[in-house]
């Protein structure tokens, strides 16, 4: 009901459309998911059950340290990684911090997807992501 009242919540997230767009962008569905919040990590884990998912929200360790650790673990395992956020639950400096440890040229792509079960004309949700395929494979 919250979405119909103009206040979209977790149940209004367009996760199915997001997963389709991530696959279209080259995400393999197996590489680790590093999300900016635990709800997004969990939602994507349900759609990509072969992929480990974690959040780097800055609560347990600084964002840059968490992202560096997770990407290093993926690289050591010969995997790619997906770094992703959603604008409705994103601290202003999250990407600034995360990008300090990303490979050169790793610029987030933006997806604007319509919320589910909200009034027509509602502003979309924005997701930002970097898909870094396993080394030696084209994105």
N, C-alpha and C. Protein backbone atom coordinates (compact mmCIF):
# COMPACT_ATOMS: atom_id res chain seq x y z
N UNK A 1 0.80 -1.20 0.00
CA UNK A 1 0.00 0.00 0.00
C UNK A 1 0.85 1.27 0.00
N UNK A 2 2.03 1.19 0.61
CA UNK A 2 2.85 2.40 0.69
C UNK A 2 3.17 2.95 -0.69
N UNK A 3 3.43 2.07 -1.65
CA UNK A 3 3.73 2.52 -3.00
C UNK A 3 2.57 3.25 -3.63
N UNK A 4 1.38 2.77 -3.38
CA UNK A 4 0.20 3.42 -3.94
C UNK A 4 -0.05 4.78 -3.29
N UNK A 5 0.51 4.97 -2.12
CA UNK A 5 0.37 6.27 -1.44
C UNK A 5 1.53 7.21 -1.76
N UNK A 6 2.38 6.78 -2.68
CA UNK A 6 3.48 7.63 -3.11
C UNK A 6 4.74 7.51 -2.29
N UNK A 7 4.82 6.50 -1.41
CA UNK A 7 6.02 6.27 -0.59
C UNK A 7 6.51 4.84 -0.83
N UNK A 8 7.14 4.59 -1.96
CA UNK A 8 7.57 3.22 -2.27
C UNK A 8 8.49 2.66 -1.19
N UNK A 9 8.38 1.37 -0.96
CA UNK A 9 9.21 0.69 0.02
C UNK A 9 9.88 -0.53 -0.57
N UNK A 10 10.35 -1.41 0.29
CA UNK A 10 11.10 -2.60 -0.14
C UNK A 10 10.29 -3.46 -1.12
N UNK A 11 9.00 -3.61 -0.87
CA UNK A 11 8.19 -4.48 -1.72
C UNK A 11 7.90 -3.87 -3.09
N UNK A 12 8.25 -2.61 -3.27
CA UNK A 12 8.03 -1.94 -4.56
C UNK A 12 9.28 -1.94 -5.43
N UNK A 13 10.39 -2.47 -4.91
CA UNK A 13 11.63 -2.50 -5.68
C UNK A 13 11.44 -3.36 -6.94
N UNK A 14 11.89 -2.89 -8.08
CA UNK A 14 11.74 -3.65 -9.33
C UNK A 14 12.87 -4.67 -9.52
N UNK A 15 12.97 -5.61 -8.59
CA UNK A 15 14.10 -6.54 -8.58
C UNK A 15 14.13 -7.42 -9.82
N UNK A 16 12.98 -7.88 -10.29
CA UNK A 16 12.97 -8.73 -11.49
C UNK A 16 13.54 -7.96 -12.69
N UNK A 17 13.09 -6.73 -12.88
CA UNK A 17 13.60 -5.92 -13.99
C UNK A 17 15.08 -5.62 -13.80
N UNK A 18 15.49 -5.37 -12.57
CA UNK A 18 16.90 -5.10 -12.29
C UNK A 18 17.76 -6.30 -12.66
N UNK A 19 17.34 -7.50 -12.28
CA UNK A 19 18.16 -8.67 -12.60
C UNK A 19 18.24 -8.90 -14.11
N UNK A 20 17.15 -8.64 -14.81
CA UNK A 20 17.18 -8.77 -16.27
C UNK A 20 18.17 -7.78 -16.88
N UNK A 21 18.15 -6.54 -16.39
CA UNK A 21 19.07 -5.53 -16.91
C UNK A 21 20.52 -5.84 -16.55
N UNK A 22 20.75 -6.39 -15.37
CA UNK A 22 22.12 -6.76 -14.99
C UNK A 22 22.64 -7.88 -15.88
N UNK A 23 21.81 -8.86 -16.16
CA UNK A 23 22.22 -9.93 -17.08
C UNK A 23 22.51 -9.36 -18.47
N UNK A 24 21.65 -8.45 -18.93
CA UNK A 24 21.86 -7.83 -20.25
C UNK A 24 23.17 -7.03 -20.29
N UNK A 25 23.59 -6.52 -19.13
CA UNK A 25 24.85 -5.77 -19.05
C UNK A 25 26.06 -6.69 -18.94
N UNK A 26 25.81 -8.01 -18.88
CA UNK A 26 26.91 -8.97 -18.87
C UNK A 26 27.13 -9.70 -17.56
N UNK A 27 26.43 -9.31 -16.50
CA UNK A 27 26.64 -9.99 -15.21
C UNK A 27 26.35 -11.48 -15.37
N UNK A 28 27.25 -12.31 -14.83
CA UNK A 28 27.18 -13.75 -15.05
C UNK A 28 26.28 -14.50 -14.06
N UNK A 29 25.79 -13.85 -13.04
CA UNK A 29 24.91 -14.51 -12.08
C UNK A 29 25.60 -15.38 -11.07
N UNK A 30 26.94 -15.45 -11.11
CA UNK A 30 27.72 -16.28 -10.20
C UNK A 30 28.74 -15.50 -9.40
N UNK A 31 29.21 -14.42 -9.96
CA UNK A 31 30.26 -13.63 -9.29
C UNK A 31 29.68 -12.91 -8.09
N UNK A 32 30.51 -12.64 -7.09
CA UNK A 32 30.03 -12.00 -5.87
C UNK A 32 29.32 -10.67 -6.12
N UNK A 33 28.28 -10.46 -5.33
CA UNK A 33 27.51 -9.22 -5.34
C UNK A 33 27.93 -8.42 -4.11
N UNK A 34 28.35 -7.20 -4.34
CA UNK A 34 28.75 -6.30 -3.26
C UNK A 34 27.78 -5.12 -3.31
N UNK A 35 26.86 -5.08 -2.37
CA UNK A 35 25.81 -4.06 -2.39
C UNK A 35 26.05 -3.00 -1.33
N UNK A 36 25.46 -1.84 -1.56
CA UNK A 36 25.58 -0.73 -0.61
C UNK A 36 24.68 -0.90 0.60
N UNK A 37 23.71 -1.82 0.54
CA UNK A 37 22.85 -2.07 1.70
C UNK A 37 22.42 -3.53 1.72
N UNK A 38 22.10 -4.01 2.91
CA UNK A 38 21.79 -5.43 3.08
C UNK A 38 20.50 -5.86 2.39
N UNK A 39 19.54 -4.98 2.27
CA UNK A 39 18.29 -5.36 1.62
C UNK A 39 18.50 -5.61 0.12
N UNK A 40 19.29 -4.77 -0.52
CA UNK A 40 19.59 -4.98 -1.94
C UNK A 40 20.42 -6.25 -2.12
N UNK A 41 21.40 -6.46 -1.24
CA UNK A 41 22.20 -7.69 -1.32
C UNK A 41 21.31 -8.92 -1.21
N UNK A 42 20.40 -8.90 -0.25
CA UNK A 42 19.51 -10.04 -0.06
C UNK A 42 18.55 -10.25 -1.22
N UNK A 43 17.99 -9.16 -1.73
CA UNK A 43 17.06 -9.27 -2.85
C UNK A 43 17.75 -9.85 -4.08
N UNK A 44 18.97 -9.40 -4.35
CA UNK A 44 19.70 -9.93 -5.51
C UNK A 44 20.13 -11.38 -5.28
N UNK A 45 20.42 -11.73 -4.05
CA UNK A 45 20.79 -13.11 -3.74
C UNK A 45 19.64 -14.07 -4.06
N UNK A 46 18.40 -13.63 -3.86
CA UNK A 46 17.27 -14.50 -4.19
C UNK A 46 17.15 -14.73 -5.69
N UNK A 47 17.59 -13.78 -6.49
CA UNK A 47 17.52 -13.89 -7.95
C UNK A 47 18.75 -14.54 -8.55
N UNK A 48 19.87 -14.45 -7.85
CA UNK A 48 21.12 -15.05 -8.30
C UNK A 48 21.63 -15.98 -7.20
N UNK A 49 20.99 -17.14 -6.99
CA UNK A 49 21.34 -18.00 -5.87
C UNK A 49 22.76 -18.57 -5.90
N UNK A 50 23.40 -18.58 -7.05
CA UNK A 50 24.78 -19.08 -7.14
C UNK A 50 25.81 -18.02 -6.75
N UNK A 51 25.35 -16.80 -6.55
CA UNK A 51 26.27 -15.69 -6.26
C UNK A 51 26.27 -15.37 -4.76
N UNK A 52 27.44 -15.33 -4.15
CA UNK A 52 27.48 -14.83 -2.77
C UNK A 52 27.16 -13.34 -2.78
N UNK A 53 26.50 -12.88 -1.74
CA UNK A 53 26.14 -11.46 -1.67
C UNK A 53 26.49 -10.92 -0.29
N UNK A 54 27.02 -9.72 -0.28
CA UNK A 54 27.36 -9.05 0.96
C UNK A 54 27.05 -7.58 0.83
N UNK A 55 27.02 -6.90 1.98
CA UNK A 55 26.83 -5.46 1.92
C UNK A 55 28.05 -4.75 2.49
N UNK A 56 28.36 -3.63 1.88
CA UNK A 56 29.43 -2.75 2.35
C UNK A 56 28.77 -1.40 2.67
N UNK A 57 28.05 -1.38 3.78
CA UNK A 57 27.27 -0.18 4.12
C UNK A 57 28.02 0.80 5.01
N UNK A 58 29.22 0.44 5.41
CA UNK A 58 30.01 1.34 6.25
C UNK A 58 29.76 1.17 7.73
N UNK A 59 28.90 0.23 8.12
CA UNK A 59 28.60 0.05 9.54
C UNK A 59 29.67 -0.75 10.27
N UNK A 60 30.17 -1.83 9.67
CA UNK A 60 31.16 -2.67 10.33
C UNK A 60 32.59 -2.26 10.03
N UNK A 61 32.80 -1.71 8.86
CA UNK A 61 34.11 -1.20 8.48
C UNK A 61 33.90 -0.12 7.43
N UNK A 62 34.88 0.74 7.22
CA UNK A 62 34.71 1.79 6.21
C UNK A 62 34.38 1.19 4.84
N UNK A 63 33.60 1.91 4.07
CA UNK A 63 33.16 1.44 2.75
C UNK A 63 34.35 1.03 1.90
N UNK A 64 35.36 1.87 1.80
CA UNK A 64 36.51 1.57 0.94
C UNK A 64 37.20 0.29 1.38
N UNK A 65 37.36 0.08 2.68
CA UNK A 65 38.01 -1.14 3.17
C UNK A 65 37.19 -2.38 2.84
N UNK A 66 35.90 -2.29 3.00
CA UNK A 66 35.01 -3.41 2.70
C UNK A 66 35.04 -3.74 1.21
N UNK A 67 34.91 -2.73 0.36
CA UNK A 67 34.92 -2.94 -1.08
C UNK A 67 36.27 -3.51 -1.52
N UNK A 68 37.35 -2.99 -0.97
CA UNK A 68 38.69 -3.49 -1.32
C UNK A 68 38.83 -4.97 -0.93
N UNK A 69 38.35 -5.33 0.24
CA UNK A 69 38.44 -6.71 0.71
C UNK A 69 37.60 -7.65 -0.17
N UNK A 70 36.39 -7.25 -0.46
CA UNK A 70 35.50 -8.10 -1.26
C UNK A 70 35.99 -8.26 -2.70
N UNK A 71 36.46 -7.18 -3.30
CA UNK A 71 36.95 -7.29 -4.68
C UNK A 71 38.25 -8.10 -4.73
N UNK A 72 39.10 -7.96 -3.72
CA UNK A 72 40.34 -8.74 -3.67
C UNK A 72 40.03 -10.23 -3.53
N UNK A 73 39.06 -10.56 -2.68
CA UNK A 73 38.67 -11.97 -2.52
C UNK A 73 38.15 -12.54 -3.84
N UNK A 74 37.34 -11.77 -4.55
CA UNK A 74 36.80 -12.23 -5.83
C UNK A 74 37.93 -12.43 -6.84
N UNK A 75 38.83 -11.48 -6.90
CA UNK A 75 39.96 -11.57 -7.83
C UNK A 75 40.82 -12.80 -7.51
N UNK A 76 41.08 -13.05 -6.22
CA UNK A 76 41.89 -14.20 -5.81
C UNK A 76 41.22 -15.52 -6.19
N UNK A 77 39.89 -15.52 -6.22
CA UNK A 77 39.14 -16.73 -6.59
C UNK A 77 38.93 -16.83 -8.10
N UNK A 78 39.47 -15.87 -8.85
CA UNK A 78 39.31 -15.88 -10.30
C UNK A 78 37.92 -15.49 -10.76
N UNK A 79 37.22 -14.76 -9.93
CA UNK A 79 35.86 -14.33 -10.24
C UNK A 79 35.80 -12.85 -10.57
N UNK A 80 34.70 -12.46 -11.20
CA UNK A 80 34.39 -11.06 -11.35
C UNK A 80 33.66 -10.60 -10.11
N UNK A 81 33.11 -9.41 -10.15
CA UNK A 81 32.30 -8.90 -9.04
C UNK A 81 31.34 -7.84 -9.55
N UNK A 82 30.24 -7.72 -8.83
CA UNK A 82 29.21 -6.72 -9.13
C UNK A 82 29.09 -5.81 -7.91
N UNK A 83 29.36 -4.54 -8.11
CA UNK A 83 29.21 -3.53 -7.06
C UNK A 83 27.96 -2.74 -7.40
N UNK A 84 27.02 -2.62 -6.45
CA UNK A 84 25.73 -2.04 -6.79
C UNK A 84 25.11 -1.28 -5.62
N UNK A 85 24.37 -0.23 -5.98
CA UNK A 85 23.66 0.58 -4.98
C UNK A 85 22.31 0.98 -5.54
N UNK A 86 21.46 1.48 -4.66
CA UNK A 86 20.19 2.08 -5.07
C UNK A 86 20.09 3.44 -4.40
N UNK A 87 19.61 4.39 -5.15
CA UNK A 87 19.64 5.78 -4.68
C UNK A 87 18.77 6.06 -3.46
N UNK A 88 17.71 5.30 -3.25
CA UNK A 88 16.83 5.61 -2.13
C UNK A 88 17.44 5.24 -0.78
N UNK A 89 18.52 4.47 -0.75
CA UNK A 89 19.17 4.09 0.51
C UNK A 89 20.67 4.25 0.41
N UNK A 90 21.11 5.35 -0.16
CA UNK A 90 22.54 5.52 -0.42
C UNK A 90 23.08 6.78 0.25
N UNK A 91 24.05 6.63 1.14
CA UNK A 91 24.70 7.83 1.69
C UNK A 91 25.37 8.62 0.58
N UNK A 92 25.39 9.93 0.71
CA UNK A 92 25.92 10.81 -0.34
C UNK A 92 27.33 10.45 -0.80
N UNK A 93 28.19 10.04 0.10
CA UNK A 93 29.60 9.83 -0.25
C UNK A 93 29.95 8.36 -0.50
N UNK A 94 28.95 7.47 -0.59
CA UNK A 94 29.23 6.05 -0.71
C UNK A 94 30.08 5.74 -1.96
N UNK A 95 29.66 6.22 -3.12
CA UNK A 95 30.43 5.93 -4.34
C UNK A 95 31.78 6.63 -4.33
N UNK A 96 31.86 7.82 -3.75
CA UNK A 96 33.16 8.49 -3.65
C UNK A 96 34.15 7.62 -2.88
N UNK A 97 33.69 7.05 -1.77
CA UNK A 97 34.55 6.18 -0.97
C UNK A 97 34.87 4.88 -1.71
N UNK A 98 33.86 4.26 -2.29
CA UNK A 98 34.08 2.98 -2.99
C UNK A 98 35.04 3.13 -4.15
N UNK A 99 34.92 4.22 -4.89
CA UNK A 99 35.75 4.39 -6.08
C UNK A 99 37.23 4.59 -5.77
N UNK A 100 37.58 4.90 -4.54
CA UNK A 100 38.99 5.06 -4.20
C UNK A 100 39.76 3.74 -4.30
N UNK A 101 39.04 2.61 -4.29
CA UNK A 101 39.71 1.30 -4.36
C UNK A 101 39.34 0.50 -5.60
N UNK A 102 38.60 1.10 -6.50
CA UNK A 102 38.21 0.40 -7.73
C UNK A 102 39.28 0.56 -8.80
N UNK A 103 39.33 -0.37 -9.75
CA UNK A 103 40.29 -0.24 -10.85
C UNK A 103 40.04 1.05 -11.64
N UNK A 104 41.10 1.56 -12.24
CA UNK A 104 40.98 2.77 -13.06
C UNK A 104 39.93 2.55 -14.13
N UNK A 105 39.12 3.55 -14.34
CA UNK A 105 38.10 3.48 -15.38
C UNK A 105 36.81 2.80 -14.96
N UNK A 106 36.72 2.34 -13.72
CA UNK A 106 35.50 1.68 -13.24
C UNK A 106 34.47 2.74 -12.87
N UNK A 107 33.67 3.10 -13.84
CA UNK A 107 32.66 4.13 -13.65
C UNK A 107 31.29 3.48 -13.53
N UNK A 108 30.52 3.84 -12.51
CA UNK A 108 29.20 3.22 -12.36
C UNK A 108 28.27 3.55 -13.52
N UNK A 109 27.55 2.54 -13.95
CA UNK A 109 26.47 2.72 -14.91
C UNK A 109 25.19 2.95 -14.11
N UNK A 110 24.24 3.63 -14.72
CA UNK A 110 22.99 3.95 -14.01
C UNK A 110 21.81 3.31 -14.73
N UNK A 111 20.95 2.69 -13.95
CA UNK A 111 19.70 2.15 -14.45
C UNK A 111 18.57 2.89 -13.75
N UNK A 112 17.63 3.39 -14.50
CA UNK A 112 16.42 4.02 -13.95
C UNK A 112 15.26 3.10 -14.24
N UNK A 113 14.71 2.49 -13.20
CA UNK A 113 13.65 1.51 -13.38
C UNK A 113 12.39 1.93 -12.63
N UNK A 114 11.23 1.71 -13.23
CA UNK A 114 9.99 2.09 -12.55
C UNK A 114 9.73 1.20 -11.33
N UNK A 115 9.30 1.82 -10.27
CA UNK A 115 8.89 1.08 -9.08
C UNK A 115 7.70 0.20 -9.45
N UNK A 116 7.47 -0.84 -8.68
CA UNK A 116 6.31 -1.71 -8.86
C UNK A 116 5.16 -1.20 -8.00
N UNK A 117 3.98 -1.26 -8.53
CA UNK A 117 2.74 -0.94 -7.79
C UNK A 117 2.76 0.46 -7.18
N UNK A 118 3.07 1.43 -8.01
CA UNK A 118 3.01 2.84 -7.59
C UNK A 118 2.16 3.60 -8.60
N UNK A 119 1.70 4.78 -8.25
CA UNK A 119 0.89 5.54 -9.21
C UNK A 119 1.66 5.83 -10.49
N UNK A 120 0.95 5.84 -11.59
CA UNK A 120 1.57 6.18 -12.88
C UNK A 120 2.23 7.54 -12.77
N UNK A 121 3.36 7.68 -13.41
CA UNK A 121 4.07 8.95 -13.40
C UNK A 121 5.03 9.12 -12.23
N UNK A 122 5.11 8.13 -11.34
CA UNK A 122 6.03 8.22 -10.20
C UNK A 122 7.47 8.20 -10.71
N UNK A 123 8.33 8.89 -10.01
CA UNK A 123 9.75 8.90 -10.37
C UNK A 123 10.33 7.49 -10.24
N UNK A 124 11.24 7.12 -11.12
CA UNK A 124 11.83 5.77 -11.06
C UNK A 124 12.85 5.65 -9.92
N UNK A 125 13.21 4.42 -9.63
CA UNK A 125 14.32 4.14 -8.72
C UNK A 125 15.59 4.09 -9.56
N UNK A 126 16.69 4.59 -9.02
CA UNK A 126 17.95 4.58 -9.74
C UNK A 126 18.93 3.63 -9.06
N UNK A 127 19.50 2.76 -9.86
CA UNK A 127 20.52 1.82 -9.41
C UNK A 127 21.82 2.20 -10.10
N UNK A 128 22.90 2.14 -9.37
CA UNK A 128 24.23 2.39 -9.93
C UNK A 128 25.05 1.12 -9.73
N UNK A 129 25.79 0.71 -10.77
CA UNK A 129 26.55 -0.52 -10.62
C UNK A 129 27.81 -0.50 -11.47
N UNK A 130 28.76 -1.30 -11.03
CA UNK A 130 29.96 -1.61 -11.80
C UNK A 130 30.02 -3.13 -11.89
N UNK A 131 30.00 -3.65 -13.09
CA UNK A 131 30.22 -5.08 -13.32
C UNK A 131 31.64 -5.23 -13.81
N UNK A 132 32.43 -5.94 -13.01
CA UNK A 132 33.82 -6.20 -13.35
C UNK A 132 33.95 -7.70 -13.61
N UNK A 133 34.01 -8.11 -14.88
CA UNK A 133 34.06 -9.54 -15.19
C UNK A 133 35.38 -10.16 -14.74
N UNK A 134 35.41 -11.49 -14.68
CA UNK A 134 36.68 -12.16 -14.35
C UNK A 134 37.78 -11.69 -15.29
N UNK A 135 38.98 -11.61 -14.81
CA UNK A 135 40.11 -11.14 -15.62
C UNK A 135 40.20 -11.95 -16.91
N UNK A 136 40.45 -11.22 -18.00
CA UNK A 136 40.62 -11.86 -19.29
C UNK A 136 39.32 -12.07 -20.06
N UNK A 137 38.20 -11.66 -19.47
CA UNK A 137 36.92 -11.82 -20.16
C UNK A 137 36.33 -10.44 -20.43
N UNK A 138 35.78 -10.27 -21.58
CA UNK A 138 35.18 -8.98 -21.95
C UNK A 138 33.86 -8.78 -21.21
N UNK A 139 33.51 -7.53 -20.84
CA UNK A 139 32.25 -7.29 -20.16
C UNK A 139 31.06 -7.51 -21.07
